[in-house]
Structures are given as C-alpha cells and as structure tokens.
C-alpha cells in the first residue's frame, strides 16, 4: 500500500510555460531531481551472511543504514547466493524502516505534532 502522509501544508505546483519556467510569475516549489544511492555490502563468515545497506546522496544529512543476517541451516545445502539474497533483502527492509523513522522524526520537527504514517 502507498505511504500516506497527513499534511498540513498543501503541495503547490506551478503552471509552466513552453520553456519549462513558471508562468505568470508563479514561484515553483518543485525541487530539481535528486539522485540517491543505496550501497549493499555483503560479508560471509562460515554459514552466516551479514549485509549492510546504506543510503547516500544529495539531501541525506544523517547516516541511514539497515542490517540483515542470514544463516544456512546445517541440514541444507550451502548456496552462498541464497544467503546473500536473504541477508541483502533483510538489510534493505531494515533500511526502509530506518528511512521511514527518519521521515517521521522530520515531519514531527516541522509540524510539532505526532505524525501518522503507515508503511
């Protein structure tokens, strides 16, 4: 399901002319495109795999990271790729929750009210 934000401040979008500039002297509140990057580092130690996902890019002021682990069952065949996939997916999930928590914190700092976000 989509993330819903209880906004007190409506978003504005400007009417653009043929050149892509705000028409009628409107001020555009739209920012230029940003690029964020997620790096996933995977380490294996025996039958245990650890992955760490980190978010970086323009506008990322704090360290946002997620960690995931996977362990091969002693009765299963050791297929490292499966451990990598599972640990990475858990790290990315943890990263998404950390980013959502940071977003909630930022919203509450701006609105001075509890935020009502759903993941």
C-alpha atoms as a PDB file:
ATOM      1  CA  UNK A   1       0.000   0.000   0.000  1.00  0.00           C
ATOM      2  CA  UNK A   2       1.175   3.563  -0.612  1.00  0.00           C
ATOM      3  CA  UNK A   3       2.636   5.629   2.209  1.00  0.00           C
ATOM      4  CA  UNK A   4       0.128   8.247   3.318  1.00  0.00           C
ATOM      5  CA  UNK A   5       1.202  11.492   4.902  1.00  0.00           C
ATOM      6  CA  UNK A   6      -1.132  13.640   6.976  1.00  0.00           C
ATOM      7  CA  UNK A   7      -0.096  17.013   5.508  1.00  0.00           C
ATOM      8  CA  UNK A   8      -0.957  20.394   6.961  1.00  0.00           C
ATOM      9  CA  UNK A   9       0.961  22.147   4.211  1.00  0.00           C
ATOM     10  CA  UNK A  10      -0.543  21.551   0.745  1.00  0.00           C
ATOM     11  CA  UNK A  11       1.879  20.968  -2.095  1.00  0.00           C
ATOM     12  CA  UNK A  12       1.901  23.615  -4.830  1.00  0.00           C
ATOM     13  CA  UNK A  13       2.738  23.051  -8.445  1.00  0.00           C
ATOM     14  CA  UNK A  14       3.363  25.930 -10.785  1.00  0.00           C
ATOM     15  CA  UNK A  15       1.953  26.305 -14.269  1.00  0.00           C
ATOM     16  CA  UNK A  16       4.872  26.098 -16.697  1.00  0.00           C
ATOM     17  CA  UNK A  17       5.365  27.946 -19.976  1.00  0.00           C
ATOM     18  CA  UNK A  18       6.771  26.428 -23.199  1.00  0.00           C
ATOM     19  CA  UNK A  19      10.315  26.669 -21.837  1.00  0.00           C
ATOM     20  CA  UNK A  20       9.501  24.857 -18.614  1.00  0.00           C
ATOM     21  CA  UNK A  21       9.663  28.004 -16.466  1.00  0.00           C
ATOM     22  CA  UNK A  22       6.933  29.122 -14.043  1.00  0.00           C
ATOM     23  CA  UNK A  23       4.262  31.092 -15.912  1.00  0.00           C
ATOM     24  CA  UNK A  24       2.595  34.264 -14.614  1.00  0.00           C
ATOM     25  CA  UNK A  25       5.450  34.940 -12.172  1.00  0.00           C
ATOM     26  CA  UNK A  26       4.449  31.942 -10.061  1.00  0.00           C
ATOM     27  CA  UNK A  27       7.059  30.552  -7.747  1.00  0.00           C
ATOM     28  CA  UNK A  28       7.677  26.878  -8.274  1.00  0.00           C
ATOM     29  CA  UNK A  29       8.079  24.825  -5.121  1.00  0.00           C
ATOM     30  CA  UNK A  30       9.291  21.817  -7.093  1.00  0.00           C
ATOM     31  CA  UNK A  31      12.936  20.981  -6.487  1.00  0.00           C
ATOM     32  CA  UNK A  32      15.286  19.710  -9.140  1.00  0.00           C
ATOM     33  CA  UNK A  33      15.719  15.963  -9.467  1.00  0.00           C
ATOM     34  CA  UNK A  34      17.913  14.330  -6.866  1.00  0.00           C
ATOM     35  CA  UNK A  35      19.762  11.083  -7.033  1.00  0.00           C
ATOM     36  CA  UNK A  36      20.051   8.821  -4.024  1.00  0.00           C
ATOM     37  CA  UNK A  37      22.181   5.736  -3.925  1.00  0.00           C
ATOM     38  CA  UNK A  38      21.853   2.546  -1.922  1.00  0.00           C
ATOM     39  CA  UNK A  39      25.010   0.533  -1.362  1.00  0.00           C
ATOM     40  CA  UNK A  40      24.802  -3.019  -0.075  1.00  0.00           C
ATOM     41  CA  UNK A  41      27.897  -4.619   1.418  1.00  0.00           C
ATOM     42  CA  UNK A  42      27.800  -8.372   1.985  1.00  0.00           C
ATOM     43  CA  UNK A  43      30.201 -10.339   4.195  1.00  0.00           C
ATOM     44  CA  UNK A  44      30.211 -14.098   4.688  1.00  0.00           C
ATOM     45  CA  UNK A  45      31.612 -15.810   7.747  1.00  0.00           C
ATOM     46  CA  UNK A  46      31.166 -19.562   7.519  1.00  0.00           C
ATOM     47  CA  UNK A  47      27.461 -20.353   7.323  1.00  0.00           C
ATOM     48  CA  UNK A  48      26.452 -16.804   8.323  1.00  0.00           C
ATOM     49  CA  UNK A  49      25.972 -13.900   5.925  1.00  0.00           C
ATOM     50  CA  UNK A  50      25.699 -10.267   7.004  1.00  0.00           C
ATOM     51  CA  UNK A  51      24.575  -7.432   4.731  1.00  0.00           C
ATOM     52  CA  UNK A  52      24.594  -3.722   5.401  1.00  0.00           C
ATOM     53  CA  UNK A  53      22.615  -1.303   3.227  1.00  0.00           C
ATOM     54  CA  UNK A  54      23.417   2.406   3.393  1.00  0.00           C
ATOM     55  CA  UNK A  55      21.713   5.386   1.798  1.00  0.00           C
ATOM     56  CA  UNK A  56      23.689   8.336   0.468  1.00  0.00           C
ATOM     57  CA  UNK A  57      23.076  11.258  -1.823  1.00  0.00           C
ATOM     58  CA  UNK A  58      22.019  14.863  -2.091  1.00  0.00           C
ATOM     59  CA  UNK A  59      19.958  15.957   0.909  1.00  0.00           C
ATOM     60  CA  UNK A  60      20.828  12.932   3.063  1.00  0.00           C
ATOM     61  CA  UNK A  61      22.108  14.639   6.203  1.00  0.00           C
ATOM     62  CA  UNK A  62      22.319  11.681   8.507  1.00  0.00           C
ATOM     63  CA  UNK A  63      23.632   8.160   8.332  1.00  0.00           C
ATOM     64  CA  UNK A  64      20.722   5.916   7.300  1.00  0.00           C
ATOM     65  CA  UNK A  65      21.611   2.228   7.403  1.00  0.00           C
ATOM     66  CA  UNK A  66      19.999  -1.160   7.591  1.00  0.00           C
ATOM     67  CA  UNK A  67      21.445  -4.530   8.566  1.00  0.00           C
ATOM     68  CA  UNK A  68      20.339  -8.032   7.679  1.00  0.00           C
ATOM     69  CA  UNK A  69      21.593 -11.513   8.521  1.00  0.00           C
ATOM     70  CA  UNK A  70      21.117 -14.969   7.073  1.00  0.00           C
ATOM     71  CA  UNK A  71      22.273 -18.329   8.363  1.00  0.00           C
ATOM     72  CA  UNK A  72      22.444 -21.562   6.460  1.00  0.00           C
ATOM     73  CA  UNK A  73      20.553 -24.371   8.120  1.00  0.00           C
ATOM     74  CA  UNK A  74      23.064 -27.183   8.873  1.00  0.00           C
ATOM     75  CA  UNK A  75      20.755 -29.662   7.118  1.00  0.00           C
ATOM     76  CA  UNK A  76      20.535 -27.606   3.893  1.00  0.00           C
ATOM     77  CA  UNK A  77      22.968 -27.379   1.024  1.00  0.00           C
ATOM     78  CA  UNK A  78      25.187 -24.290   1.342  1.00  0.00           C
ATOM     79  CA  UNK A  79      24.306 -21.994  -1.576  1.00  0.00           C
ATOM     80  CA  UNK A  80      26.046 -18.667  -0.878  1.00  0.00           C
ATOM     81  CA  UNK A  81      23.893 -16.739  -3.384  1.00  0.00           C
ATOM     82  CA  UNK A  82      20.766 -17.575  -1.378  1.00  0.00           C
ATOM     83  CA  UNK A  83      22.353 -16.309   1.829  1.00  0.00           C
ATOM     84  CA  UNK A  84      23.446 -13.141   0.024  1.00  0.00           C
ATOM     85  CA  UNK A  85      19.923 -12.536  -1.294  1.00  0.00           C
ATOM     86  CA  UNK A  86      18.261 -13.149   2.057  1.00  0.00           C
ATOM     87  CA  UNK A  87      20.708 -11.018   4.051  1.00  0.00           C
ATOM     88  CA  UNK A  88      20.521  -8.206   1.451  1.00  0.00           C
ATOM     89  CA  UNK A  89      16.712  -8.246   1.390  1.00  0.00           C
ATOM     90  CA  UNK A  90      16.626  -8.049   5.180  1.00  0.00           C
ATOM     91  CA  UNK A  91      19.137  -5.176   5.153  1.00  0.00           C
ATOM     92  CA  UNK A  92      17.069  -3.279   2.570  1.00  0.00           C
ATOM     93  CA  UNK A  93      13.918  -3.842   4.605  1.00  0.00           C
ATOM     94  CA  UNK A  94      15.677  -2.573   7.714  1.00  0.00           C
ATOM     95  CA  UNK A  95      16.945   0.430   5.720  1.00  0.00           C
ATOM     96  CA  UNK A  96      13.418   1.275   4.549  1.00  0.00           C
ATOM     97  CA  UNK A  97      12.169   1.229   8.144  1.00  0.00           C
ATOM     98  CA  UNK A  98      15.093   3.422   9.257  1.00  0.00           C
ATOM     99  CA  UNK A  99      14.282   5.918   6.487  1.00  0.00           C
ATOM    100  CA  UNK A 100      10.611   5.917   7.458  1.00  0.00           C
ATOM    101  CA  UNK A 101      11.576   6.562  11.101  1.00  0.00           C
ATOM    102  CA  UNK A 102      13.793   9.475   9.988  1.00  0.00           C
ATOM    103  CA  UNK A 103      10.899  10.858   7.924  1.00  0.00           C
ATOM    104  CA  UNK A 104       8.517  10.653  10.867  1.00  0.00           C
ATOM    105  CA  UNK A 105      11.052  12.457  13.040  1.00  0.00           C
ATOM    106  CA  UNK A 106      11.499  15.207  10.410  1.00  0.00           C
ATOM    107  CA  UNK A 107       7.729  15.685   9.982  1.00  0.00           C
ATOM    108  CA  UNK A 108       7.216  15.945  13.735  1.00  0.00           C
ATOM    109  CA  UNK A 109      10.032  18.522  13.998  1.00  0.00           C
ATOM    110  CA  UNK A 110       8.299  20.677  11.373  1.00  0.00           C
ATOM    111  CA  UNK A 111       4.667  20.281  12.480  1.00  0.00           C
ATOM    112  CA  UNK A 112       5.291  19.919  16.239  1.00  0.00           C
ATOM    113  CA  UNK A 113       2.589  17.220  16.203  1.00  0.00           C
ATOM    114  CA  UNK A 114       2.652  13.433  16.071  1.00  0.00           C
ATOM    115  CA  UNK A 115       2.984  12.063  12.556  1.00  0.00           C
ATOM    116  CA  UNK A 116       0.595   9.444  11.221  1.00  0.00           C
ATOM    117  CA  UNK A 117       2.495   7.497   8.581  1.00  0.00           C
ATOM    118  CA  UNK A 118       1.782   3.968   7.504  1.00  0.00           C
ATOM    119  CA  UNK A 119       4.333   1.824   5.759  1.00  0.00           C
END
